[in-house]
Amino acid sequence: MTSSSLHLSRQLLVGEILKRTVHKTPEMEAYIFEDERVTYEKMDHRASHLAGWLQMQGIGRDDKVAFMMKNSIEFIEIVFGIALSGGVGVPVNFRLQREEVRYIVENSDSKLLFIDEEYEEMILSIRDKLPKLEQIIVVGTEQLHQEFVNYESIYETAAAYHPCESLVDEDAAFIVYTSGTTGRPKGAVLTHKNICLNLQNIMFEGKTDLYQKQLICVPLFHIAGLNLIIMSCLANGTTVLLREFNPVKLLESVEKEQVNSFFLVPAMWNFLFQVPNFNKYDLSSVTTCSTGAAITPLELKKRILKSFPNAKLSDTFGQTETTASTTYLKGEDTLRKTTSVGKSMINVETRIVDENMNDVSVGEVGEIVYRGPTVMKEYYKNPEATEEAFKGGWFHSGDLVKRDEEGFIYVVDRKKNMIISGGENIYPAEIEEVLYQLPEILECAVIGVPDKDWGESVKAVVVLKPDKRLTAEQIIEYCQQNLASYKKPKYVEFIDELPRNASGKVLKYVLQKEAREALDTEKL
């Protein structure tokens, strides 16, 4: 063993997780995608070759590499390839509009960008606005631009991988951008240690079995998806990967591959149970059903447990800045503590505090704050936001919660009026900023309203300037052109003035109450 490999073996590194798994079970199937079945040995060979090629392009410790892709084997190769090279991965939500993509790629200082072929046109349209970007690599058979690199050509090029000797587990592994409350997303810098310890926390709390087979259909660019593909290595397991969520394909895959576990956000669970002839599928192999990213209603929990009689149900809570998970509701407590998100995970310190950082009493509402090795390093190139987030030496989540006598935590309100639709975080301020670009709008407020399929949908409440006219359709279309589709309002209401308190702050809770009442009376 060389001195460099000895040093790296002592670190908690994403790339080393893959190397350790290859050492233990090289011939085991690691990832199954459509007709492709990849062993750990093959994944290591491909990822290491890619790492060597990245190093040849000048990528080393702390150099940023972005990737905007749907779920695929190549996505996983890129994640591990970047990690092994010493670089920092920047996953980009493929649902974003071009200006949103441009901002993230440019703000992150990414030198290289991997994309699926279907996004070539978008990237071409903003290429001249990305001066820091040196190369664009296309995954697929079609290539529109001769300067782009074809992904498979990388493996036809000689490339020797050299372990990044200076890499330590306090170094950044990913920069994951969260939706911004002021119209611009913030890049949460997650270290190798953040990732590795978070996965160990989840495995400990969920009593994860080794060598089990999981299915992933959530987008891999989310922190939950990234965690799952890496955790599969840690557990010496096999991952069945779907390109996107398709309820019928999910059920077929569970039956065919005898899947043991899978994770869905509540909206996905709702769609799954709408599949005709759901009961015809053999789901007896499933031993763990997981949910998170939004509060799961009690009736949905009961439906999951009834439909998967051999499975336990786990529920996690957290956010990107905490590497996704901070609390865990175990299966035995699912129906006993029906509205709880569980207790603090091992290695995660939590407090519930008032505005002066004083701990509140049992049953009282306060902000939950965190400390521990799974909390992000910083917001990238945003020292002001970082300082604000870590005020008092704890990470401030912005979530209002309360705790009962047994230590179980209950979410009371979402951080800064965030809307969660189908597991996607949507911040009203970002949509409001776009709406205010319309000259006809005097003022507006964006709120979340209940949606039986998606959990919540977006509603825009608009006050027009005197003698100006706009239709709801025009507003929705304008948002469609300037935001990711899932962020556009589903409903638009025109009113004469927004409700405000004595200091002039818009009272969104009043608008939300009125919207719920309208839904109840089927007026919305």
Protein backbone atom coordinates (compact mmCIF):
# COMPACT_ATOMS: atom_id res chain seq x y z
CA MET A 1 0.00 0.00 0.00
CA THR A 2 1.41 3.38 -0.99
CA SER A 3 1.60 6.26 1.45
CA SER A 4 -1.09 8.15 -0.48
CA SER A 5 -3.54 5.24 -0.47
CA LEU A 6 -2.85 4.70 3.24
CA HIS A 7 -3.65 8.36 3.92
CA LEU A 8 -6.86 8.22 1.87
CA SER A 9 -7.98 4.97 3.51
CA ARG A 10 -8.03 6.78 6.85
CA GLN A 11 -10.36 9.50 5.57
CA LEU A 12 -14.14 9.50 5.29
CA LEU A 13 -14.25 10.08 1.52
CA VAL A 14 -17.00 9.43 -1.03
CA GLY A 15 -14.55 7.87 -3.48
CA GLU A 16 -13.06 5.61 -0.81
CA ILE A 17 -16.53 4.20 -0.06
CA LEU A 18 -16.58 2.82 -3.61
CA LYS A 19 -12.99 1.52 -3.32
CA ARG A 20 -13.76 -0.31 -0.06
CA THR A 21 -16.85 -1.92 -1.56
CA VAL A 22 -14.86 -3.12 -4.57
CA HIS A 23 -12.31 -4.63 -2.20
CA LYS A 24 -15.08 -6.60 -0.44
CA THR A 25 -17.50 -7.55 -3.23
CA PRO A 26 -16.01 -6.81 -6.67
CA GLU A 27 -18.33 -9.11 -8.64
CA MET A 28 -21.55 -8.10 -6.92
CA GLU A 29 -24.11 -6.24 -9.01
CA ALA A 30 -23.98 -2.61 -7.93
CA TYR A 31 -26.38 -0.77 -10.24
CA ILE A 32 -29.12 -1.99 -12.54
CA PHE A 33 -30.50 0.44 -15.12
CA GLU A 34 -32.85 -0.73 -17.88
CA ASP A 35 -30.89 -3.55 -19.62
CA GLU A 36 -27.55 -2.64 -18.07
CA ARG A 37 -26.19 -4.44 -15.01
CA VAL A 38 -22.96 -3.04 -13.55
CA THR A 39 -20.75 -4.73 -10.95
CA TYR A 40 -18.83 -2.77 -8.34
CA GLU A 41 -15.60 -3.68 -10.13
CA LYS A 42 -16.86 -2.21 -13.41
CA MET A 43 -18.17 0.92 -11.71
CA ASP A 44 -14.78 1.42 -10.06
CA HIS A 45 -12.98 0.89 -13.38
CA ARG A 46 -15.18 3.42 -15.19
CA ALA A 47 -15.18 5.99 -12.36
CA SER A 48 -11.40 5.75 -11.91
CA HIS A 49 -10.81 6.18 -15.66
CA LEU A 50 -13.08 9.23 -15.64
CA ALA A 51 -11.22 10.58 -12.60
CA GLY A 52 -7.94 10.23 -14.48
CA TRP A 53 -9.39 12.03 -17.50
CA LEU A 54 -10.69 14.84 -15.28
CA GLN A 55 -7.23 15.20 -13.76
CA MET A 56 -5.81 15.47 -17.28
CA GLN A 57 -8.18 18.39 -17.85
CA GLY A 58 -6.75 20.14 -14.80
CA ILE A 59 -9.37 19.08 -12.26
CA GLY A 60 -7.93 18.56 -8.80
CA ARG A 61 -8.67 19.33 -5.20
CA ASP A 62 -11.50 21.87 -4.86
CA ASP A 63 -12.05 22.36 -8.62
CA LYS A 64 -15.74 22.47 -9.47
CA VAL A 65 -17.46 20.20 -12.01
CA ALA A 66 -21.19 20.65 -12.72
CA PHE A 67 -23.54 18.05 -14.13
CA MET A 68 -27.14 18.39 -15.35
CA MET A 69 -28.57 14.98 -16.12
CA LYS A 70 -31.47 12.66 -15.53
CA ASN A 71 -30.97 9.38 -13.67
CA SER A 72 -28.55 7.03 -15.43
CA ILE A 73 -25.48 4.85 -14.90
CA GLU A 74 -23.41 7.70 -16.33
CA PHE A 75 -24.70 10.01 -13.61
CA ILE A 76 -23.31 7.64 -10.97
CA GLU A 77 -19.99 7.28 -12.81
CA ILE A 78 -19.67 11.07 -12.86
CA VAL A 79 -20.44 11.41 -9.13
CA PHE A 80 -17.71 8.93 -8.17
CA GLY A 81 -15.34 10.12 -10.89
CA ILE A 82 -15.43 13.69 -9.62
CA ALA A 83 -15.03 12.53 -6.00
CA LEU A 84 -12.00 10.39 -6.85
CA SER A 85 -10.35 13.18 -8.84
CA GLY A 86 -10.41 15.48 -5.81
CA GLY A 87 -12.92 17.79 -7.48
CA VAL A 88 -16.23 19.08 -6.18
CA GLY A 89 -19.48 17.99 -7.81
CA VAL A 90 -22.18 20.56 -8.55
CA PRO A 91 -25.49 18.80 -9.39
CA VAL A 92 -27.89 21.00 -11.35
CA ASN A 93 -31.66 20.54 -11.37
CA PHE A 94 -32.57 19.73 -14.99
CA ARG A 95 -36.01 21.28 -14.47
CA LEU A 96 -34.59 24.77 -14.15
CA GLN A 97 -34.83 27.42 -16.86
CA ARG A 98 -31.72 28.58 -18.68
CA GLU A 99 -31.12 31.70 -16.57
CA GLU A 100 -31.34 29.63 -13.40
CA VAL A 101 -28.89 27.10 -14.85
CA ARG A 102 -26.53 29.88 -15.99
CA TYR A 103 -26.45 31.40 -12.52
CA ILE A 104 -25.61 28.11 -10.76
CA VAL A 105 -22.90 27.05 -13.21
CA GLU A 106 -21.30 30.50 -13.14
CA ASN A 107 -21.68 31.13 -9.41
CA SER A 108 -20.15 27.74 -8.58
CA ASP A 109 -17.01 28.47 -10.66
CA SER A 110 -17.49 25.19 -12.51
CA LYS A 111 -14.77 24.45 -15.05
CA LEU A 112 -16.52 21.51 -16.69
CA LEU A 113 -20.18 20.69 -17.29
CA PHE A 114 -21.66 17.26 -18.05
CA ILE A 115 -25.12 17.27 -19.67
CA ASP A 116 -27.58 14.88 -21.27
CA GLU A 117 -27.91 15.44 -25.01
CA GLU A 118 -31.42 16.87 -24.62
CA TYR A 119 -29.98 19.95 -22.87
CA GLU A 120 -27.50 20.89 -25.61
CA GLU A 121 -29.76 23.56 -27.10
CA MET A 122 -30.22 25.23 -23.72
CA ILE A 123 -26.51 25.28 -22.95
CA LEU A 124 -25.68 26.52 -26.44
CA SER A 125 -28.01 29.47 -25.89
CA ILE A 126 -26.13 30.58 -22.74
CA ARG A 127 -22.62 29.39 -23.63
CA ASP A 128 -21.27 32.92 -24.15
CA LYS A 129 -22.48 33.84 -20.65
CA LEU A 130 -20.36 31.14 -19.00
CA PRO A 131 -16.79 32.47 -19.30
CA LYS A 132 -15.39 30.21 -16.54
CA LEU A 133 -16.64 27.04 -18.24
CA GLU A 134 -13.81 25.34 -20.13
CA GLN A 135 -15.47 22.20 -21.52
CA ILE A 136 -18.94 20.72 -22.00
CA ILE A 137 -19.32 16.95 -22.12
CA VAL A 138 -22.44 15.41 -23.67
CA VAL A 139 -23.88 12.06 -22.60
CA GLY A 140 -25.73 10.48 -25.52
CA THR A 141 -25.38 9.70 -29.19
CA GLU A 142 -26.42 13.07 -30.63
CA GLN A 143 -24.01 15.98 -30.57
CA LEU A 144 -25.05 19.39 -31.86
CA HIS A 145 -21.83 21.28 -31.36
CA GLN A 146 -18.41 20.13 -32.55
CA GLU A 147 -16.64 21.72 -29.60
CA PHE A 148 -18.57 19.58 -27.13
CA VAL A 149 -16.91 16.37 -25.92
CA ASN A 150 -18.77 13.09 -26.37
CA TYR A 151 -18.87 11.26 -23.04
CA GLU A 152 -18.02 7.81 -24.39
CA SER A 153 -14.96 9.18 -26.19
CA ILE A 154 -13.42 9.71 -22.74
CA TYR A 155 -13.14 5.94 -22.34
CA GLU A 156 -11.35 5.66 -25.69
CA THR A 157 -8.64 7.98 -24.37
CA ALA A 158 -5.74 6.77 -22.25
CA ALA A 159 -6.10 8.25 -18.78
CA ALA A 160 -4.16 7.21 -15.69
CA TYR A 161 -5.85 7.89 -12.36
CA HIS A 162 -3.65 9.25 -9.57
CA PRO A 163 -5.20 9.41 -6.09
CA CYS A 164 -5.54 12.98 -4.84
CA GLU A 165 -2.97 12.74 -2.05
CA SER A 166 -3.93 16.01 -0.35
CA LEU A 167 -7.66 15.27 -0.10
CA VAL A 168 -9.14 15.15 3.42
CA ASP A 169 -12.66 14.50 4.58
CA GLU A 170 -13.18 18.12 5.64
CA ASP A 171 -12.88 19.09 1.95
CA ALA A 172 -15.96 19.83 -0.12
CA ALA A 173 -17.55 16.89 -1.96
CA PHE A 174 -20.61 18.67 -3.39
CA ILE A 175 -22.11 22.12 -3.69
CA VAL A 176 -25.88 21.60 -3.71
CA TYR A 177 -27.92 24.68 -4.53
CA THR A 178 -31.07 25.39 -2.59
CA SER A 179 -33.91 27.58 -3.77
CA GLY A 180 -33.31 31.18 -2.74
CA THR A 181 -35.58 33.26 -0.54
CA THR A 182 -34.41 36.43 -2.29
CA GLY A 183 -34.58 35.17 -5.84
CA ARG A 184 -31.09 33.64 -5.97
CA PRO A 185 -30.24 30.10 -4.82
CA LYS A 186 -27.48 29.48 -2.28
CA GLY A 187 -24.85 26.78 -2.67
CA ALA A 188 -24.63 24.54 0.38
CA VAL A 189 -21.07 23.20 0.62
CA LEU A 190 -21.23 19.59 1.82
CA THR A 191 -18.01 17.86 2.78
CA HIS A 192 -17.00 14.23 2.34
CA LYS A 193 -17.38 13.81 6.09
CA ASN A 194 -20.88 15.34 5.97
CA ILE A 195 -21.94 12.75 3.41
CA CYS A 196 -20.26 9.72 4.96
CA LEU A 197 -21.48 10.32 8.51
CA ASN A 198 -25.01 11.17 7.38
CA LEU A 199 -25.19 7.81 5.60
CA GLN A 200 -23.93 6.03 8.71
CA ASN A 201 -26.55 7.88 10.77
CA ILE A 202 -29.34 6.71 8.45
CA MET A 203 -28.10 3.13 8.41
CA PHE A 204 -27.83 3.06 12.20
CA GLU A 205 -31.28 4.57 12.81
CA GLY A 206 -32.96 2.41 10.16
CA LYS A 207 -31.07 -0.77 11.10
CA THR A 208 -30.15 -1.14 7.44
CA ASP A 209 -29.33 -4.68 6.36
CA LEU A 210 -26.23 -5.32 4.29
CA TYR A 211 -26.53 -6.66 0.73
CA GLN A 212 -30.12 -5.51 0.31
CA LYS A 213 -31.58 -4.32 -2.98
CA GLN A 214 -33.02 -0.80 -3.18
CA LEU A 215 -34.86 1.06 -5.93
CA ILE A 216 -34.24 4.73 -6.72
CA CYS A 217 -36.61 6.79 -8.84
CA VAL A 218 -36.23 10.20 -7.17
CA PRO A 219 -33.99 12.62 -9.13
CA LEU A 220 -30.35 11.93 -8.31
CA PHE A 221 -29.48 15.64 -8.38
CA HIS A 222 -31.35 16.05 -5.08
CA ILE A 223 -29.32 15.46 -1.94
CA ALA A 224 -31.60 12.50 -1.15
CA GLY A 225 -30.73 10.86 -4.47
CA LEU A 226 -27.00 11.48 -4.04
CA ASN A 227 -27.14 9.98 -0.57
CA LEU A 228 -28.95 6.87 -1.76
CA ILE A 229 -26.52 5.94 -4.55
CA ILE A 230 -23.56 6.31 -2.18
CA MET A 231 -25.28 4.54 0.72
CA SER A 232 -25.82 1.51 -1.50
CA CYS A 233 -22.02 1.11 -1.64
CA LEU A 234 -21.68 1.49 2.12
CA ALA A 235 -24.24 -1.28 2.57
CA ASN A 236 -22.68 -3.50 -0.14
CA GLY A 237 -26.09 -3.45 -1.75
CA THR A 238 -27.62 -3.34 -5.22
CA THR A 239 -29.50 -0.37 -6.64
CA VAL A 240 -32.24 -0.66 -9.26
CA LEU A 241 -32.34 2.73 -10.96
CA LEU A 242 -35.26 4.25 -12.88
CA ARG A 243 -34.62 7.23 -15.17
CA GLU A 244 -37.61 8.99 -13.66
CA PHE A 245 -40.62 8.28 -11.50
CA ASN A 246 -43.12 6.03 -13.28
CA PRO A 247 -45.55 4.25 -10.94
CA VAL A 248 -46.13 1.26 -13.21
CA LYS A 249 -42.42 0.77 -13.94
CA LEU A 250 -41.70 1.04 -10.24
CA LEU A 251 -44.14 -1.74 -9.38
CA GLU A 252 -42.89 -3.90 -12.26
CA SER A 253 -39.29 -3.41 -11.14
CA VAL A 254 -40.06 -4.22 -7.50
CA GLU A 255 -41.68 -7.49 -8.60
CA LYS A 256 -39.04 -8.44 -11.20
CA GLU A 257 -35.94 -7.57 -9.15
CA GLN A 258 -37.38 -8.46 -5.73
CA VAL A 259 -36.57 -5.02 -4.35
CA ASN A 260 -36.26 -4.68 -0.57
CA SER A 261 -36.56 -0.92 -0.08
CA PHE A 262 -37.35 2.34 -1.80
CA PHE A 263 -37.93 6.01 -0.98
CA LEU A 264 -40.74 8.23 -2.30
CA VAL A 265 -41.94 11.69 -1.37
CA PRO A 266 -45.62 11.79 -0.29
CA ALA A 267 -46.86 12.99 -3.71
CA MET A 268 -45.18 10.00 -5.37
CA TRP A 269 -46.82 7.62 -2.90
CA ASN A 270 -50.20 9.13 -3.82
CA PHE A 271 -49.61 8.51 -7.52
CA LEU A 272 -48.37 4.98 -6.86
CA PHE A 273 -51.65 4.00 -5.25
CA GLN A 274 -53.60 5.26 -8.27
CA VAL A 275 -52.13 2.55 -10.51
CA PRO A 276 -54.93 0.27 -11.81
CA ASN A 277 -54.65 -3.31 -10.58
CA PHE A 278 -52.13 -2.28 -7.93
CA ASN A 279 -52.89 -5.44 -6.00
CA LYS A 280 -51.81 -7.72 -8.84
CA TYR A 281 -48.12 -6.98 -8.26
CA ASP A 282 -46.03 -9.15 -5.96
CA LEU A 283 -44.60 -6.70 -3.42
CA SER A 284 -43.75 -9.21 -0.72
CA SER A 285 -39.99 -8.60 -1.04
CA VAL A 286 -40.29 -5.02 0.28
CA THR A 287 -39.13 -4.75 3.89
CA THR A 288 -38.65 -0.96 4.14
CA CYS A 289 -40.73 1.90 2.74
CA SER A 290 -39.28 5.37 3.26
CA THR A 291 -40.75 8.83 2.93
CA GLY A 292 -39.63 12.38 3.53
CA ALA A 293 -39.15 15.86 1.96
CA ALA A 294 -42.69 16.76 3.09
CA ILE A 295 -45.06 15.80 5.89
CA THR A 296 -46.75 12.47 5.20
CA PRO A 297 -50.47 12.46 6.13
CA LEU A 298 -51.63 9.78 8.55
CA GLU A 299 -54.05 8.19 6.05
CA LEU A 300 -51.25 7.85 3.53
CA LYS A 301 -49.02 6.19 6.14
CA LYS A 302 -51.79 3.68 6.86
CA ARG A 303 -52.19 2.98 3.13
CA ILE A 304 -48.46 2.33 2.74
CA LEU A 305 -48.36 -0.11 5.65
CA LYS A 306 -51.47 -1.91 4.43
CA SER A 307 -50.15 -2.20 0.87
CA PHE A 308 -46.72 -3.44 1.93
CA PRO A 309 -47.51 -5.81 4.81
CA ASN A 310 -43.93 -7.08 5.18
CA ALA A 311 -42.46 -3.59 5.40
CA LYS A 312 -41.68 -1.07 8.08
CA LEU A 313 -42.17 2.62 7.34
CA SER A 314 -39.41 5.15 8.03
CA ASP A 315 -39.79 8.92 7.90
CA THR A 316 -36.90 11.41 7.85
CA PHE A 317 -36.75 15.18 8.21
CA GLY A 318 -34.04 17.72 7.50
CA GLN A 319 -32.75 19.91 4.69
CA THR A 320 -29.94 20.18 2.17
CA GLU A 321 -27.75 22.15 4.56
CA THR A 322 -27.82 19.27 7.05
CA THR A 323 -27.00 16.67 4.36
CA ALA A 324 -30.73 15.92 4.19
CA SER A 325 -31.44 14.13 7.48
CA THR A 326 -31.60 15.29 11.09
CA THR A 327 -34.50 13.38 12.64
CA TYR A 328 -35.81 9.88 12.13
CA LEU A 329 -39.22 8.38 12.90
CA LYS A 330 -38.82 4.63 13.31
CA GLY A 331 -41.30 2.10 12.07
CA GLU A 332 -42.50 1.11 15.52
CA ASP A 333 -43.46 4.73 16.23
CA THR A 334 -45.16 5.47 12.89
CA LEU A 335 -48.73 5.03 14.10
CA ARG A 336 -48.02 5.87 17.74
CA LYS A 337 -46.58 9.31 16.99
CA THR A 338 -48.56 9.92 13.84
CA THR A 339 -47.72 13.61 13.23
CA SER A 340 -44.12 13.52 14.45
CA VAL A 341 -40.94 13.55 12.36
CA GLY A 342 -39.20 11.48 15.01
CA LYS A 343 -36.22 12.12 17.25
CA SER A 344 -32.76 13.53 16.62
CA MET A 345 -30.44 11.15 14.80
CA ILE A 346 -27.22 9.88 16.30
CA ASN A 347 -24.40 12.42 15.75
CA VAL A 348 -26.93 15.26 15.37
CA GLU A 349 -27.39 17.78 18.18
CA THR A 350 -30.68 19.68 18.19
CA ARG A 351 -32.18 22.47 20.23
CA ILE A 352 -35.51 24.25 20.00
CA VAL A 353 -34.97 27.91 20.79
CA ASP A 354 -36.66 31.29 20.87
CA GLU A 355 -35.41 34.41 19.09
CA ASN A 356 -32.79 34.95 21.82
CA MET A 357 -31.40 31.41 21.56
CA ASN A 358 -33.03 30.35 24.82
CA ASP A 359 -34.35 26.79 24.94
CA VAL A 360 -38.13 26.63 24.98
CA SER A 361 -40.13 24.33 27.23
CA VAL A 362 -41.67 21.01 26.21
CA GLY A 363 -44.71 21.68 24.03
CA GLU A 364 -43.68 25.24 23.18
CA VAL A 365 -42.95 26.29 19.61
CA GLY A 366 -39.47 27.46 18.66
CA GLU A 367 -36.92 27.25 15.88
CA ILE A 368 -34.99 24.01 15.60
CA VAL A 369 -31.23 24.56 15.35
CA TYR A 370 -28.54 21.99 14.65
CA ARG A 371 -24.92 21.18 15.35
CA GLY A 372 -22.76 18.21 14.41
CA PRO A 373 -20.60 16.62 11.70
CA THR A 374 -23.42 16.39 9.15
CA VAL A 375 -24.09 20.14 9.06
CA MET A 376 -22.79 21.89 5.94
CA LYS A 377 -19.45 23.70 5.88
CA GLU A 378 -20.79 27.01 4.51
CA TYR A 379 -22.77 28.71 1.78
CA TYR A 380 -20.43 28.99 -1.19
CA LYS A 381 -19.05 32.49 -1.67
CA ASN A 382 -21.71 33.88 0.65
CA PRO A 383 -20.08 34.74 4.01
CA GLU A 384 -22.98 36.97 5.08
CA ALA A 385 -25.54 34.19 4.67
CA THR A 386 -23.17 31.72 6.34
CA GLU A 387 -22.66 33.97 9.36
CA GLU A 388 -26.41 34.52 9.67
CA ALA A 389 -27.13 30.78 9.40
CA PHE A 390 -24.61 29.87 12.13
CA LYS A 391 -25.45 32.67 14.54
CA GLY A 392 -24.76 31.57 18.11
CA GLY A 393 -22.71 28.56 16.99
CA TRP A 394 -25.70 26.53 15.76
CA PHE A 395 -27.17 26.15 12.29
CA HIS A 396 -30.53 27.90 12.11
CA SER A 397 -32.98 25.85 10.05
CA GLY A 398 -35.82 28.38 9.94
CA ASP A 399 -38.22 25.54 10.84
CA LEU A 400 -40.65 26.09 13.70
CA VAL A 401 -41.19 22.93 15.72
CA LYS A 402 -42.13 21.66 19.17
CA ARG A 403 -41.07 18.63 21.22
CA ASP A 404 -43.13 16.33 23.43
CA GLU A 405 -42.21 14.72 26.74
CA GLU A 406 -40.60 11.72 25.02
CA GLY A 407 -38.40 13.86 22.80
CA PHE A 408 -40.40 13.44 19.61
CA ILE A 409 -40.33 16.49 17.33
CA TYR A 410 -43.32 17.98 15.50
CA VAL A 411 -43.12 20.50 12.64
CA VAL A 412 -45.42 23.47 13.21
CA ASP A 413 -44.55 25.73 10.29
CA ARG A 414 -42.24 25.58 7.32
CA LYS A 415 -39.12 27.67 7.01
CA LYS A 416 -39.76 31.15 5.66
CA ASN A 417 -43.09 30.22 4.06
CA MET A 418 -41.50 27.57 1.86
CA ILE A 419 -43.87 25.60 -0.36
CA ILE A 420 -43.23 21.88 -0.91
CA SER A 421 -44.86 20.52 -4.06
CA GLY A 422 -44.15 16.93 -5.00
CA GLY A 423 -41.02 16.96 -2.85
CA GLU A 424 -39.65 20.09 -4.55
CA ASN A 425 -38.82 23.09 -2.37
CA ILE A 426 -40.36 26.29 -3.75
CA TYR A 427 -39.71 29.70 -2.23
CA PRO A 428 -42.41 32.34 -2.79
CA ALA A 429 -39.92 35.24 -2.92
CA GLU A 430 -38.35 33.81 -6.06
CA ILE A 431 -41.73 33.69 -7.83
CA GLU A 432 -42.71 37.11 -6.51
CA GLU A 433 -39.53 38.58 -7.98
CA VAL A 434 -40.54 37.28 -11.41
CA LEU A 435 -44.10 38.54 -11.05
CA TYR A 436 -42.89 42.02 -10.19
CA GLN A 437 -41.21 42.15 -13.60
CA LEU A 438 -44.69 42.48 -15.11
CA PRO A 439 -45.40 46.23 -15.32
CA GLU A 440 -49.12 45.74 -14.73
CA ILE A 441 -48.61 44.30 -11.23
CA LEU A 442 -48.67 46.66 -8.26
CA GLU A 443 -48.00 44.06 -5.58
CA CYS A 444 -48.31 40.35 -5.09
CA ALA A 445 -47.92 37.50 -2.61
CA VAL A 446 -47.26 33.85 -3.35
CA ILE A 447 -48.54 31.15 -1.01
CA GLY A 448 -48.95 27.40 -0.92
CA VAL A 449 -52.40 25.84 -1.02
CA PRO A 450 -53.33 22.21 -0.32
CA ASP A 451 -53.18 19.82 -3.27
CA LYS A 452 -54.33 16.21 -2.94
CA ASP A 453 -51.76 14.94 -5.45
CA TRP A 454 -48.72 17.15 -4.90
CA GLY A 455 -49.08 18.07 -1.23
CA GLU A 456 -49.14 21.76 -2.08
CA SER A 457 -49.57 23.90 -5.18
CA VAL A 458 -48.53 27.47 -5.85
CA LYS A 459 -51.05 30.30 -5.72
CA ALA A 460 -50.32 33.90 -6.67
CA VAL A 461 -52.42 36.65 -5.12
CA VAL A 462 -52.11 39.75 -7.30
CA VAL A 463 -53.01 43.44 -7.03
CA LEU A 464 -52.97 45.20 -10.39
CA LYS A 465 -52.10 48.83 -10.98
CA PRO A 466 -55.08 51.12 -11.65
CA ASP A 467 -56.49 50.73 -15.17
CA LYS A 468 -54.19 47.78 -15.95
CA ARG A 469 -55.38 44.38 -17.11
CA LEU A 470 -53.87 40.91 -16.92
CA THR A 471 -55.41 37.46 -17.06
CA ALA A 472 -54.47 34.52 -14.90
CA GLU A 473 -53.39 32.67 -18.04
CA GLN A 474 -50.97 35.47 -18.98
CA ILE A 475 -49.39 35.41 -15.53
CA ILE A 476 -48.99 31.64 -15.52
CA GLU A 477 -47.49 31.70 -19.02
CA TYR A 478 -45.01 34.42 -18.04
CA CYS A 479 -43.87 32.39 -15.03
CA GLN A 480 -43.58 29.29 -17.22
CA GLN A 481 -41.14 31.18 -19.44
CA ASN A 482 -39.00 32.47 -16.59
CA LEU A 483 -39.08 29.72 -13.98
CA ALA A 484 -38.89 25.97 -13.74
CA SER A 485 -42.31 24.56 -14.61
CA TYR A 486 -42.98 23.20 -11.11
CA LYS A 487 -42.59 26.72 -9.66
CA LYS A 488 -45.25 28.41 -11.79
CA PRO A 489 -48.58 29.27 -10.09
CA LYS A 490 -51.40 26.81 -10.53
CA TYR A 491 -53.89 29.40 -9.27
CA VAL A 492 -54.06 33.17 -9.61
CA GLU A 493 -56.40 35.40 -7.62
CA PHE A 494 -56.86 39.15 -8.19
CA ILE A 495 -57.71 41.29 -5.15
CA ASP A 496 -57.83 45.01 -4.40
CA GLU A 497 -55.18 45.04 -1.65
CA LEU A 498 -53.04 42.65 0.34
CA PRO A 499 -53.70 42.21 4.06
CA ARG A 500 -50.93 43.77 6.18
CA ASN A 501 -50.08 44.22 9.83
CA ALA A 502 -49.33 47.52 11.55
CA SER A 503 -45.72 47.50 10.35
CA GLY A 504 -46.76 46.93 6.75
CA LYS A 505 -45.78 43.28 6.51
CA VAL A 506 -48.02 41.16 4.31
CA LEU A 507 -50.06 38.69 6.35
CA LYS A 508 -49.65 35.54 4.30
CA TYR A 509 -51.33 33.39 6.89
CA VAL A 510 -54.55 35.34 6.24
CA LEU A 511 -54.29 34.60 2.52
CA GLN A 512 -53.59 30.94 3.25
CA LYS A 513 -56.60 30.69 5.56
CA GLU A 514 -58.86 32.22 2.91
CA ALA A 515 -57.46 29.89 0.25
CA ARG A 516 -58.11 26.81 2.41
CA GLU A 517 -61.66 27.96 3.09
CA ALA A 518 -62.22 28.50 -0.62
CA LEU A 519 -60.95 24.99 -1.35
CA ASP A 520 -63.24 23.55 1.30
CA THR A 521 -66.22 25.16 -0.40
CA GLU A 522 -64.95 24.24 -3.88
CA LYS A 523 -64.71 27.89 -4.88
CA LEU A 524 -61.02 27.80 -5.76
